[in-house]
Amino acid sequence: MSVLVVRHGETAWAVAHRHTGRADVPLTEAGRADAAALAAPLAAWPLALVLVSPLTRAVTTAQLAGIIDGAERVDDLLEWDYGRAEGRTREDVQAELPGWDLWTDGGPDGERPQDVRARVDRVVARLAPYGDAGGPHAAVVAHGHVLRALAARWLDAPVELGRRLALDTAHVGVLGRDRGGTPVLQRWNGPVPALDG
């Protein structure tokens, strides 16, 4: 009765803290190993729906994690279009644009927070049946910033809440609903939990 959000494994750009949006950067060997390590715990989760970003690092993660069969590639799960920030660190961008903040300013010449909100709201609408008690489970395999924005919107909060939801590579979050139906973060930025706990 939950939605698992899974961030892809490590990439060289993630290690260097470079904004990795639409660049199709592959997983490192460590990233491949971390993604493969997700397979055993994910096998316990009966997934009725798996949505995956079409970028290689997400698709490879889903493959190595054993959940690619029947998965749907969804453009709305592409990482944030960082514009001129693509491939650059936050500090590098702020040297050019003092005070720049992705969560409020968006990518320079790229996507704005409201653009990302429109995309992730469509995904949240698709996932709504999967957070209810008694319903089936779903998984989403994508990227750090877009998954953080998706979690914020699951909670019916502004996209900017995502700045407070750090999500490491090859880590997961669990979205669900409390007994009253209120959307909640059941777990965040950890290993795949046991299905019962």
Foldseek 3Di string as FASTA:
>chain_A
DWEKEAEFFAFPLVVVQADAFPPQTAHDPRRLVLLLVLQVQCVLADAPAEEFAPRRRQLSSCVSNVNNVVYHHDPLQGGWFQDVSGRHHPVVVCVVVPPDDCLQQNHDVTDHQVVNLVSLVVVLVVCLQQQEPPGGYYYYYHHFLSVLQNLCVLQVHRSSSSVVAGADHRFMWIWHAPPVRHIDTPGGRHRNDHPVD
